[in-house]
PDB file of N, CA and C in Angstrom:
ATOM      1  N   MET A   1      -3.933 -17.940  13.268  1.00  0.00           N
ATOM      2  CA  MET A   1      -4.086 -16.447  13.722  1.00  0.00           C
ATOM      3  C   MET A   1      -4.839 -15.592  12.735  1.00  0.00           C
ATOM      4  N   SER A   2      -5.721 -14.719  13.489  1.00  0.00           N
ATOM      5  CA  SER A   2      -6.223 -14.462  11.963  1.00  0.00           C
ATOM      6  C   SER A   2      -5.201 -12.680  11.422  1.00  0.00           C
ATOM      7  N   LEU A   3      -5.647 -13.055   9.767  1.00  0.00           N
ATOM      8  CA  LEU A   3      -5.099 -12.140   8.985  1.00  0.00           C
ATOM      9  C   LEU A   3      -5.593 -10.948   9.003  1.00  0.00           C
ATOM     10  N   ASN A   4      -6.669 -10.352   9.827  1.00  0.00           N
ATOM     11  CA  ASN A   4      -7.208  -9.021  10.075  1.00  0.00           C
ATOM     12  C   ASN A   4      -6.807  -8.090  10.806  1.00  0.00           C
ATOM     13  N   GLY A   5      -6.095  -7.198  10.182  1.00  0.00           N
ATOM     14  CA  GLY A   5      -5.186  -5.866  10.669  1.00  0.00           C
ATOM     15  C   GLY A   5      -4.256  -6.250  10.829  1.00  0.00           C
ATOM     16  N   ARG A   6      -3.555  -7.440   9.985  1.00  0.00           N
ATOM     17  CA  ARG A   6      -1.857  -8.208   9.774  1.00  0.00           C
ATOM     18  C   ARG A   6      -0.768  -6.519   9.054  1.00  0.00           C
ATOM     19  N   GLN A   7      -2.131  -6.337   8.182  1.00  0.00           N
ATOM     20  CA  GLN A   7      -0.978  -5.200   7.436  1.00  0.00           C
ATOM     21  C   GLN A   7      -0.627  -3.961   8.037  1.00  0.00           C
ATOM     22  N   THR A   8      -1.602  -3.789   8.705  1.00  0.00           N
ATOM     23  CA  THR A   8      -2.026  -2.246   9.833  1.00  0.00           C
ATOM     24  C   THR A   8      -0.686  -2.026  10.936  1.00  0.00           C
ATOM     25  N   TYR A   9      -0.988  -3.565  11.406  1.00  0.00           N
ATOM     26  CA  TYR A   9      -0.195  -4.565  12.462  1.00  0.00           C
ATOM     27  C   TYR A   9       1.409  -4.232  12.032  1.00  0.00           C
ATOM     28  N   LYS A  10       1.534  -4.342  11.079  1.00  0.00           N
ATOM     29  CA  LYS A  10       3.346  -4.520   9.906  1.00  0.00           C
ATOM     30  C   LYS A  10       3.852  -2.806  10.238  1.00  0.00           C
ATOM     31  N   TYR A  11       3.103  -1.928  10.261  1.00  0.00           N
ATOM     32  CA  TYR A  11       3.553  -0.818  10.340  1.00  0.00           C
ATOM     33  C   TYR A  11       3.359  -0.143  10.960  1.00  0.00           C
ATOM     34  N   ILE A  12       2.368  -0.110  11.796  1.00  0.00           N
ATOM     35  CA  ILE A  12       2.127   0.671  13.479  1.00  0.00           C
ATOM     36  C   ILE A  12       1.835  -0.593  14.545  1.00  0.00           C
ATOM     37  N   PRO A  13       3.176  -1.302  15.089  1.00  0.00           N
ATOM     38  CA  PRO A  13       2.931  -1.972  15.947  1.00  0.00           C
ATOM     39  C   PRO A  13       2.017  -1.711  17.477  1.00  0.00           C
ATOM     40  N   LEU A  14       1.994  -0.519  17.834  1.00  0.00           N
ATOM     41  CA  LEU A  14       2.151   0.043  18.813  1.00  0.00           C
ATOM     42  C   LEU A  14       0.859   1.116  18.586  1.00  0.00           C
ATOM     43  N   VAL A  15      -0.584   0.657  18.938  1.00  0.00           N
ATOM     44  CA  VAL A  15      -1.614   1.822  19.156  1.00  0.00           C
ATOM     45  C   VAL A  15      -1.608   2.414  19.622  1.00  0.00           C
ATOM     46  N   GLY A  16      -1.736   4.345  19.356  1.00  0.00           N
ATOM     47  CA  GLY A  16      -1.478   5.695  20.297  1.00  0.00           C
ATOM     48  C   GLY A  16      -2.145   6.560  20.019  1.00  0.00           C
ATOM     49  N   LEU A  17      -2.681   7.508  20.740  1.00  0.00           N
ATOM     50  CA  LEU A  17      -3.542   8.578  20.234  1.00  0.00           C
ATOM     51  C   LEU A  17      -3.104   9.246  19.631  1.00  0.00           C
ATOM     52  N   LYS A  18      -1.751   9.408  19.032  1.00  0.00           N
ATOM     53  CA  LYS A  18      -1.441  10.467  17.973  1.00  0.00           C
ATOM     54  C   LYS A  18      -1.087   9.859  16.314  1.00  0.00           C
ATOM     55  N   ARG A  19      -1.977  10.289  15.852  1.00  0.00           N
ATOM     56  CA  ARG A  19      -2.364   9.902  14.277  1.00  0.00           C
ATOM     57  C   ARG A  19      -1.119   9.598  13.215  1.00  0.00           C
ATOM     58  N   LYS A  20      -0.588   8.858  12.712  1.00  0.00           N
ATOM     59  CA  LYS A  20       0.770   8.783  11.677  1.00  0.00           C
ATOM     60  C   LYS A  20       0.473   8.892  10.880  1.00  0.00           C
ATOM     61  N   THR A  21      -1.002   9.486  10.233  1.00  0.00           N
ATOM     62  CA  THR A  21      -0.959  10.485   9.275  1.00  0.00           C
ATOM     63  C   THR A  21      -2.192  10.802   8.853  1.00  0.00           C
ATOM     64  N   GLU A  22      -2.527  11.289   7.317  1.00  0.00           N
ATOM     65  CA  GLU A  22      -3.713  12.019   7.568  1.00  0.00           C
ATOM     66  C   GLU A  22      -4.545  11.931   5.886  1.00  0.00           C
ATOM     67  N   ILE A  23      -3.774  10.998   5.516  1.00  0.00           N
ATOM     68  CA  ILE A  23      -3.357  10.994   3.649  1.00  0.00           C
ATOM     69  C   ILE A  23      -3.888   9.887   3.692  1.00  0.00           C
ATOM     70  N   PRO A  24      -5.691  10.153   2.720  1.00  0.00           N
ATOM     71  CA  PRO A  24      -6.334   8.846   2.599  1.00  0.00           C
ATOM     72  C   PRO A  24      -5.428   7.765   1.819  1.00  0.00           C
ATOM     73  N   GLN A  25      -4.947   8.146   1.058  1.00  0.00           N
ATOM     74  CA  GLN A  25      -3.701   6.900   0.124  1.00  0.00           C
ATOM     75  C   GLN A  25      -2.407   6.246   1.188  1.00  0.00           C
ATOM     76  N   VAL A  26      -2.665   7.104   1.837  1.00  0.00           N
ATOM     77  CA  VAL A  26      -1.973   6.143   2.841  1.00  0.00           C
ATOM     78  C   VAL A  26      -2.247   5.499   4.066  1.00  0.00           C
ATOM     79  N   VAL A  27      -3.370   5.848   4.212  1.00  0.00           N
ATOM     80  CA  VAL A  27      -4.353   4.707   5.023  1.00  0.00           C
ATOM     81  C   VAL A  27      -4.715   3.489   4.214  1.00  0.00           C
ATOM     82  N   HIS A  28      -5.006   3.489   3.100  1.00  0.00           N
ATOM     83  CA  HIS A  28      -5.262   2.677   2.392  1.00  0.00           C
ATOM     84  C   HIS A  28      -4.634   1.864   1.954  1.00  0.00           C
ATOM     85  N   PHE A  29      -3.152   2.146   1.591  1.00  0.00           N
ATOM     86  CA  PHE A  29      -1.759   1.465   1.758  1.00  0.00           C
ATOM     87  C   PHE A  29      -1.847   0.239   3.205  1.00  0.00           C
ATOM     88  N   LEU A  30      -2.098   1.251   4.317  1.00  0.00           N
ATOM     89  CA  LEU A  30      -1.573   0.248   5.576  1.00  0.00           C
ATOM     90  C   LEU A  30      -2.479  -0.453   5.665  1.00  0.00           C
ATOM     91  N   THR A  31      -3.794  -0.225   5.041  1.00  0.00           N
ATOM     92  CA  THR A  31      -5.177  -1.332   5.748  1.00  0.00           C
ATOM     93  C   THR A  31      -5.234  -2.310   4.299  1.00  0.00           C
ATOM     94  N   ASN A  32      -3.902  -2.395   3.371  1.00  0.00           N
ATOM     95  CA  ASN A  32      -4.498  -2.672   2.275  1.00  0.00           C
ATOM     96  C   ASN A  32      -6.338  -3.077   1.937  1.00  0.00           C
ATOM     97  N   HIS A  33      -7.108  -2.228   2.260  1.00  0.00           N
ATOM     98  CA  HIS A  33      -8.320  -1.340   1.511  1.00  0.00           C
ATOM     99  C   HIS A  33      -8.277  -0.289   0.819  1.00  0.00           C
ATOM    100  N   GLY A  34      -8.027  -0.091  -0.535  1.00  0.00           N
ATOM    101  CA  GLY A  34      -7.720   0.322  -1.697  1.00  0.00           C
ATOM    102  C   GLY A  34      -8.739  -0.516  -2.848  1.00  0.00           C
ATOM    103  N   ARG A  35      -7.812   0.422  -3.544  1.00  0.00           N
ATOM    104  CA  ARG A  35      -8.315   0.109  -5.000  1.00  0.00           C
ATOM    105  C   ARG A  35      -7.338  -0.784  -5.417  1.00  0.00           C
ATOM    106  N   PHE A  36      -6.524  -2.080  -5.028  1.00  0.00           N
ATOM    107  CA  PHE A  36      -5.760  -2.822  -5.100  1.00  0.00           C
ATOM    108  C   PHE A  36      -6.361  -3.921  -5.468  1.00  0.00           C
ATOM    109  N   GLN A  37      -5.958  -4.275  -6.941  1.00  0.00           N
ATOM    110  CA  GLN A  37      -6.637  -5.993  -7.889  1.00  0.00           C
ATOM    111  C   GLN A  37      -7.051  -7.061  -6.570  1.00  0.00           C
ATOM    112  N   HIS A  38      -6.011  -7.451  -5.795  1.00  0.00           N
ATOM    113  CA  HIS A  38      -5.828  -8.067  -4.665  1.00  0.00           C
ATOM    114  C   HIS A  38      -7.510  -7.874  -3.776  1.00  0.00           C
ATOM    115  N   TYR A  39      -7.336  -6.923  -3.684  1.00  0.00           N
ATOM    116  CA  TYR A  39      -8.907  -6.206  -2.662  1.00  0.00           C
ATOM    117  C   TYR A  39     -10.077  -6.389  -3.890  1.00  0.00           C
ATOM    118  N   PHE A  40     -10.013  -5.838  -4.761  1.00  0.00           N
ATOM    119  CA  PHE A  40     -11.389  -5.928  -5.968  1.00  0.00           C
ATOM    120  C   PHE A  40     -11.447  -7.359  -6.202  1.00  0.00           C
ATOM    121  N   PHE A  41     -10.542  -8.073  -6.057  1.00  0.00           N
ATOM    122  CA  PHE A  41     -10.825  -9.721  -6.407  1.00  0.00           C
ATOM    123  C   PHE A  41     -10.951 -10.847  -5.256  1.00  0.00           C
ATOM    124  N   ARG A  42     -11.053  -9.942  -4.174  1.00  0.00           N
ATOM    125  CA  ARG A  42     -11.601 -10.939  -2.846  1.00  0.00           C
ATOM    126  C   ARG A  42     -13.197 -10.408  -2.845  1.00  0.00           C
ATOM    127  N   PHE A  43     -13.419  -9.393  -3.535  1.00  0.00           N
ATOM    128  CA  PHE A  43     -15.340  -9.020  -3.520  1.00  0.00           C
ATOM    129  C   PHE A  43     -15.577  -9.380  -4.392  1.00  0.00           C
ATOM    130  N   GLY A  44     -15.104 -10.230  -5.383  1.00  0.00           N
ATOM    131  CA  GLY A  44     -15.791 -10.190  -6.843  1.00  0.00           C
ATOM    132  C   GLY A  44     -15.738  -9.410  -7.321  1.00  0.00           C
ATOM    133  N   LEU A  45     -15.097  -8.278  -7.553  1.00  0.00           N
ATOM    134  CA  LEU A  45     -15.436  -7.228  -8.739  1.00  0.00           C
ATOM    135  C   LEU A  45     -14.195  -6.901  -9.767  1.00  0.00           C
ATOM    136  N   SER A  46     -13.289  -8.368  -9.503  1.00  0.00           N
ATOM    137  CA  SER A  46     -12.404  -8.226 -10.061  1.00  0.00           C
ATOM    138  C   SER A  46     -12.005 -10.022 -10.694  1.00  0.00           C
ATOM    139  N   THR A  47     -11.875 -10.099 -12.084  1.00  0.00           N
ATOM    140  CA  THR A  47     -11.541 -11.617 -12.280  1.00  0.00           C
ATOM    141  C   THR A  47     -10.214 -11.923 -12.133  1.00  0.00           C
ATOM    142  N   THR A  48      -9.363 -11.050 -11.875  1.00  0.00           N
ATOM    143  CA  THR A  48      -7.955 -11.122 -11.387  1.00  0.00           C
ATOM    144  C   THR A  48      -7.283 -10.285  -9.829  1.00  0.00           C
ATOM    145  N   GLN A  49      -6.568 -11.466  -9.426  1.00  0.00           N
ATOM    146  CA  GLN A  49      -5.641 -10.650  -8.342  1.00  0.00           C
ATOM    147  C   GLN A  49      -4.687 -10.027  -8.399  1.00  0.00           C
ATOM    148  N   ASN A  50      -3.809 -10.325  -9.429  1.00  0.00           N
ATOM    149  CA  ASN A  50      -2.639  -9.931 -10.279  1.00  0.00           C
ATOM    150  C   ASN A  50      -2.462  -8.434 -10.642  1.00  0.00           C
ATOM    151  N   CYS A  51      -2.075  -7.752 -10.210  1.00  0.00           N
ATOM    152  CA  CYS A  51      -1.290  -6.622 -11.205  1.00  0.00           C
ATOM    153  C   CYS A  51      -0.497  -6.879 -12.519  1.00  0.00           C
ATOM    154  N   SER A  52      -0.596  -5.511 -12.563  1.00  0.00           N
ATOM    155  CA  SER A  52      -0.402  -5.457 -14.426  1.00  0.00           C
ATOM    156  C   SER A  52       1.197  -6.147 -15.492  1.00  0.00           C
ATOM    157  N   CYS A  53       1.872  -6.274 -13.740  1.00  0.00           N
ATOM    158  CA  CYS A  53       3.361  -7.130 -13.645  1.00  0.00           C
ATOM    159  C   CYS A  53       3.545  -8.120 -12.872  1.00  0.00           C
ATOM    160  N   GLY A  54       1.662  -9.128 -13.164  1.00  0.00           N
ATOM    161  CA  GLY A  54       1.721 -10.772 -12.772  1.00  0.00           C
ATOM    162  C   GLY A  54       1.820 -10.842 -11.385  1.00  0.00           C
ATOM    163  N   GLU A  55       2.056 -10.220 -10.872  1.00  0.00           N
ATOM    164  CA  GLU A  55       2.073 -10.584  -9.370  1.00  0.00           C
ATOM    165  C   GLU A  55       1.183 -10.151  -8.521  1.00  0.00           C
ATOM    166  N   ILE A  56       0.291 -11.083  -7.639  1.00  0.00           N
ATOM    167  CA  ILE A  56      -0.642 -10.381  -6.574  1.00  0.00           C
ATOM    168  C   ILE A  56      -0.354  -8.691  -5.874  1.00  0.00           C
ATOM    169  N   GLY A  57      -1.361  -8.634  -6.226  1.00  0.00           N
ATOM    170  CA  GLY A  57      -1.775  -6.876  -6.435  1.00  0.00           C
ATOM    171  C   GLY A  57      -2.247  -6.441  -5.146  1.00  0.00           C
ATOM    172  N   TYR A  58      -1.397  -6.766  -3.796  1.00  0.00           N
ATOM    173  CA  TYR A  58      -1.805  -6.568  -2.114  1.00  0.00           C
ATOM    174  C   TYR A  58      -0.905  -4.933  -2.050  1.00  0.00           C
ATOM    175  N   ALA A  59      -1.050  -4.383  -1.206  1.00  0.00           N
ATOM    176  CA  ALA A  59      -0.860  -3.074  -1.137  1.00  0.00           C
ATOM    177  C   ALA A  59       0.868  -3.250  -0.840  1.00  0.00           C
ATOM    178  N   ASP A  60       1.291  -3.954  -0.515  1.00  0.00           N
ATOM    179  CA  ASP A  60       2.789  -3.730  -0.193  1.00  0.00           C
ATOM    180  C   ASP A  60       3.307  -4.394  -1.435  1.00  0.00           C
ATOM    181  N   HIS A  61       2.976  -5.006  -2.175  1.00  0.00           N
ATOM    182  CA  HIS A  61       3.572  -5.040  -3.919  1.00  0.00           C
ATOM    183  C   HIS A  61       3.580  -3.958  -4.715  1.00  0.00           C
ATOM    184  N   TYR A  62       2.295  -2.784  -4.566  1.00  0.00           N
ATOM    185  CA  TYR A  62       3.253  -2.289  -5.657  1.00  0.00           C
ATOM    186  C   TYR A  62       3.751  -1.102  -4.696  1.00  0.00           C
ATOM    187  N   ILE A  63       3.678  -1.145  -3.238  1.00  0.00           N
ATOM    188  CA  ILE A  63       5.051  -0.019  -2.701  1.00  0.00           C
ATOM    189  C   ILE A  63       5.806  -0.369  -3.212  1.00  0.00           C
ATOM    190  N   LEU A  64       6.296  -1.598  -2.103  1.00  0.00           N
ATOM    191  CA  LEU A  64       7.870  -2.586  -2.367  1.00  0.00           C
ATOM    192  C   LEU A  64       8.339  -3.107  -3.097  1.00  0.00           C
ATOM    193  N   HIS A  65       7.230  -3.761  -4.142  1.00  0.00           N
ATOM    194  CA  HIS A  65       7.988  -5.130  -4.995  1.00  0.00           C
ATOM    195  C   HIS A  65       7.875  -4.134  -6.803  1.00  0.00           C
ATOM    196  N   CYS A  66       6.674  -3.220  -6.782  1.00  0.00           N
ATOM    197  CA  CYS A  66       6.329  -3.692  -8.364  1.00  0.00           C
ATOM    198  C   CYS A  66       6.747  -3.151  -9.141  1.00  0.00           C
ATOM    199  N   PRO A  67       7.690  -3.458 -10.271  1.00  0.00           N
ATOM    200  CA  PRO A  67       8.622  -2.874 -10.899  1.00  0.00           C
ATOM    201  C   PRO A  67       8.137  -1.469 -11.624  1.00  0.00           C
ATOM    202  N   LEU A  68       6.645  -1.774 -12.101  1.00  0.00           N
ATOM    203  CA  LEU A  68       5.755  -0.457 -12.819  1.00  0.00           C
ATOM    204  C   LEU A  68       6.171   1.139 -11.815  1.00  0.00           C
ATOM    205  N   ASN A  69       6.723   0.858 -10.688  1.00  0.00           N
ATOM    206  CA  ASN A  69       6.817   1.787  -9.806  1.00  0.00           C
ATOM    207  C   ASN A  69       7.961   1.931  -8.797  1.00  0.00           C
ATOM    208  N   SER A  70       9.416   1.430  -9.446  1.00  0.00           N
ATOM    209  CA  SER A  70      10.340   1.666  -9.076  1.00  0.00           C
ATOM    210  C   SER A  70      10.724   2.520  -9.683  1.00  0.00           C
ATOM    211  N   ASP A  71      10.658   3.798  -9.994  1.00  0.00           N
ATOM    212  CA  ASP A  71      10.930   5.512  -9.765  1.00  0.00           C
ATOM    213  C   ASP A  71      10.525   6.187  -9.381  1.00  0.00           C
ATOM    214  N   LEU A  72       9.622   5.771  -8.823  1.00  0.00           N
ATOM    215  CA  LEU A  72       8.647   6.497  -7.372  1.00  0.00           C
ATOM    216  C   LEU A  72       9.417   5.426  -5.627  1.00  0.00           C
ATOM    217  N   ARG A  73       9.548   4.101  -5.831  1.00  0.00           N
ATOM    218  CA  ARG A  73       9.554   3.603  -4.807  1.00  0.00           C
ATOM    219  C   ARG A  73      11.423   3.979  -4.514  1.00  0.00           C
ATOM    220  N   GLY A  74      12.942   4.058  -5.788  1.00  0.00           N
ATOM    221  CA  GLY A  74      13.504   4.608  -5.072  1.00  0.00           C
ATOM    222  C   GLY A  74      13.787   5.782  -4.599  1.00  0.00           C
ATOM    223  N   LYS A  75      12.389   6.670  -4.591  1.00  0.00           N
ATOM    224  CA  LYS A  75      12.717   7.931  -4.362  1.00  0.00           C
ATOM    225  C   LYS A  75      12.723   7.676  -1.737  1.00  0.00           C
ATOM    226  N   LEU A  76      11.762   6.390  -2.078  1.00  0.00           N
ATOM    227  CA  LEU A  76      11.463   6.064  -0.555  1.00  0.00           C
ATOM    228  C   LEU A  76      13.174   5.636   0.351  1.00  0.00           C
ATOM    229  N   VAL A  77      12.779   6.794   1.298  1.00  0.00           N
ATOM    230  CA  VAL A  77      13.680   6.146   2.376  1.00  0.00           C
ATOM    231  C   VAL A  77      13.967   5.657   3.926  1.00  0.00           C
ATOM    232  N   PHE A  78      14.067   4.358   4.026  1.00  0.00           N
ATOM    233  CA  PHE A  78      13.837   3.526   5.423  1.00  0.00           C
ATOM    234  C   PHE A  78      14.521   2.410   5.432  1.00  0.00           C
ATOM    235  N   ASP A  79      13.872   1.836   6.660  1.00  0.00           N
ATOM    236  CA  ASP A  79      14.705   0.586   6.931  1.00  0.00           C
ATOM    237  C   ASP A  79      13.510  -0.161   6.558  1.00  0.00           C
ATOM    238  N   VAL A  80      13.979  -1.150   5.817  1.00  0.00           N
ATOM    239  CA  VAL A  80      13.247  -2.543   5.330  1.00  0.00           C
ATOM    240  C   VAL A  80      13.319  -2.997   6.134  1.00  0.00           C
ATOM    241  N   ASP A  81      14.534  -3.904   6.953  1.00  0.00           N
ATOM    242  CA  ASP A  81      14.129  -4.047   8.173  1.00  0.00           C
ATOM    243  C   ASP A  81      13.059  -3.992   9.394  1.00  0.00           C
ATOM    244  N   ASN A  82      12.665  -2.868   9.256  1.00  0.00           N
ATOM    245  CA  ASN A  82      11.706  -2.073  10.123  1.00  0.00           C
ATOM    246  C   ASN A  82      10.974  -0.805   9.325  1.00  0.00           C
ATOM    247  N   PRO A  83       9.926  -2.329   9.442  1.00  0.00           N
ATOM    248  CA  PRO A  83       8.719  -1.581   8.196  1.00  0.00           C
ATOM    249  C   PRO A  83       8.042  -0.072   8.573  1.00  0.00           C
ATOM    250  N   PRO A  84       7.526   0.053   9.862  1.00  0.00           N
ATOM    251  CA  PRO A  84       7.778   1.488  10.526  1.00  0.00           C
ATOM    252  C   PRO A  84       7.790   2.753   9.855  1.00  0.00           C
ATOM    253  N   SER A  85       9.657   2.615   9.678  1.00  0.00           N
ATOM    254  CA  SER A  85      10.394   3.571   9.618  1.00  0.00           C
ATOM    255  C   SER A  85      10.145   3.649   8.339  1.00  0.00           C
ATOM    256  N   ILE A  86       9.057   3.301   7.410  1.00  0.00           N
ATOM    257  CA  ILE A  86       8.220   4.272   6.253  1.00  0.00           C
ATOM    258  C   ILE A  86       7.983   5.061   6.429  1.00  0.00           C
ATOM    259  N   LEU A  87       7.006   5.064   7.687  1.00  0.00           N
ATOM    260  CA  LEU A  87       6.086   6.296   7.504  1.00  0.00           C
ATOM    261  C   LEU A  87       6.393   7.521   8.890  1.00  0.00           C
ATOM    262  N   GLU A  88       7.760   7.183   8.868  1.00  0.00           N
ATOM    263  CA  GLU A  88       8.780   8.537   9.697  1.00  0.00           C
ATOM    264  C   GLU A  88       8.730   9.542   8.948  1.00  0.00           C
ATOM    265  N   THR A  89       8.673   9.733   7.670  1.00  0.00           N
ATOM    266  CA  THR A  89       9.012  11.433   7.237  1.00  0.00           C
ATOM    267  C   THR A  89       7.716  11.666   6.483  1.00  0.00           C
ATOM    268  N   LYS A  90       7.201  12.870   6.300  1.00  0.00           N
ATOM    269  CA  LYS A  90       5.691  13.325   5.220  1.00  0.00           C
ATOM    270  C   LYS A  90       6.751  13.430   3.800  1.00  0.00           C
ATOM    271  N   SER A  91       7.860  13.356   3.607  1.00  0.00           N
ATOM    272  CA  SER A  91       7.951  12.704   2.341  1.00  0.00           C
ATOM    273  C   SER A  91       7.987  11.873   1.766  1.00  0.00           C
ATOM    274  N   ASN A  92       8.457  11.143   2.425  1.00  0.00           N
ATOM    275  CA  ASN A  92       7.279   9.224   1.978  1.00  0.00           C
ATOM    276  C   ASN A  92       5.801   8.512   2.472  1.00  0.00           C
ATOM    277  N   GLN A  93       5.737   9.755   3.121  1.00  0.00           N
ATOM    278  CA  GLN A  93       4.131   9.690   2.890  1.00  0.00           C
ATOM    279  C   GLN A  93       3.625  10.038   1.733  1.00  0.00           C
ATOM    280  N   LEU A  94       4.363  11.380   1.253  1.00  0.00           N
ATOM    281  CA  LEU A  94       3.363  11.767  -0.576  1.00  0.00           C
ATOM    282  C   LEU A  94       4.289  11.005  -1.131  1.00  0.00           C
ATOM    283  N   ILE A  95       5.211   9.899  -1.410  1.00  0.00           N
ATOM    284  CA  ILE A  95       5.386   8.800  -1.975  1.00  0.00           C
ATOM    285  C   ILE A  95       5.012   8.081  -2.568  1.00  0.00           C
ATOM    286  N   ILE A  96       4.287   7.078  -0.753  1.00  0.00           N
ATOM    287  CA  ILE A  96       3.495   6.380  -1.326  1.00  0.00           C
ATOM    288  C   ILE A  96       2.386   7.020  -1.460  1.00  0.00           C
ATOM    289  N   LYS A  97       1.488   8.423  -1.064  1.00  0.00           N
ATOM    290  CA  LYS A  97       0.625   8.667  -2.015  1.00  0.00           C
ATOM    291  C   LYS A  97       0.404   9.054  -3.297  1.00  0.00           C
ATOM    292  N   GLN A  98       1.561   9.118  -4.005  1.00  0.00           N
ATOM    293  CA  GLN A  98       1.028   8.902  -5.572  1.00  0.00           C
ATOM    294  C   GLN A  98       1.330   7.356  -6.413  1.00  0.00           C
ATOM    295  N   ILE A  99       1.661   6.589  -5.464  1.00  0.00           N
ATOM    296  CA  ILE A  99       2.200   5.285  -5.798  1.00  0.00           C
ATOM    297  C   ILE A  99       0.346   4.594  -5.709  1.00  0.00           C
ATOM    298  N   VAL A 100      -0.092   5.037  -4.619  1.00  0.00           N
ATOM    299  CA  VAL A 100      -1.472   4.512  -4.400  1.00  0.00           C
ATOM    300  C   VAL A 100      -2.411   5.477  -6.064  1.00  0.00           C
ATOM    301  N   GLU A 101      -2.257   6.419  -5.771  1.00  0.00           N
ATOM    302  CA  GLU A 101      -3.300   7.141  -6.984  1.00  0.00           C
ATOM    303  C   GLU A 101      -2.804   6.877  -8.695  1.00  0.00           C
ATOM    304  N   ARG A 102      -1.281   6.383  -8.355  1.00  0.00           N
ATOM    305  CA  ARG A 102      -1.060   5.287 -10.275  1.00  0.00           C
ATOM    306  C   ARG A 102      -1.466   4.954  -9.861  1.00  0.00           C
ATOM    307  N   VAL A 103      -1.626   3.353  -8.742  1.00  0.00           N
ATOM    308  CA  VAL A 103      -2.534   2.599  -8.922  1.00  0.00           C
ATOM    309  C   VAL A 103      -3.911   2.655  -8.869  1.00  0.00           C
ATOM    310  N   ASP A 104      -4.798   3.781  -8.176  1.00  0.00           N
ATOM    311  CA  ASP A 104      -5.912   3.797  -8.810  1.00  0.00           C
ATOM    312  C   ASP A 104      -6.214   3.980  -9.720  1.00  0.00           C
ATOM    313  N   SER A 105      -5.618   5.381 -10.706  1.00  0.00           N
ATOM    314  CA  SER A 105      -6.250   5.910 -12.035  1.00  0.00           C
ATOM    315  C   SER A 105      -5.745   4.491 -13.238  1.00  0.00           C
ATOM    316  N   SER A 106      -4.860   3.275 -12.255  1.00  0.00           N
ATOM    317  CA  SER A 106      -4.614   2.106 -13.645  1.00  0.00           C
ATOM    318  C   SER A 106      -6.103   1.269 -13.672  1.00  0.00           C
ATOM    319  N   ILE A 107      -6.186   0.924 -12.751  1.00  0.00           N
ATOM    320  CA  ILE A 107      -7.785  -0.043 -12.288  1.00  0.00           C
ATOM    321  C   ILE A 107      -8.588   0.596 -12.944  1.00  0.00           C
ATOM    322  N   ARG A 108      -9.479  -0.330 -13.197  1.00  0.00           N
ATOM    323  CA  ARG A 108     -11.021   0.159 -14.530  1.00  0.00           C
ATOM    324  C   ARG A 108     -11.298   0.685 -13.090  1.00  0.00           C
ATOM    325  N   ARG A 109     -13.089   1.589 -13.156  1.00  0.00           N
ATOM    326  CA  ARG A 109     -13.756   1.687 -12.403  1.00  0.00           C
ATOM    327  C   ARG A 109     -14.594   1.094 -12.535  1.00  0.00           C
ATOM    328  N   ILE A 110     -15.556   0.808 -11.471  1.00  0.00           N
ATOM    329  CA  ILE A 110     -16.192  -0.305 -11.516  1.00  0.00           C
ATOM    330  C   ILE A 110     -17.990   0.360 -11.030  1.00  0.00           C
TER     331      ILE A 110
END
């Protein structure tokens, strides 16, 4: 099975015409295409794929697991067994935006 689109499918399993978000940072999270260590490493733009905490720097890691973002993550309200529920509220999307902006500011500019 191809891994292309798996990240997006996890959070948006059914494609529809209604947009789930218009926030660019949330789109980066949903696609795993943003200023994330793993993404830069994949294209040879970084010598490491690891986050500052030592784990692999995937989008999911920064939003759901990274101890460096626990203060913001603690504000997310969603069902961990139902990943699409993370997008159901505007407040969650704004928290995701804040986390992605924090990650963005912590990774050196190329």
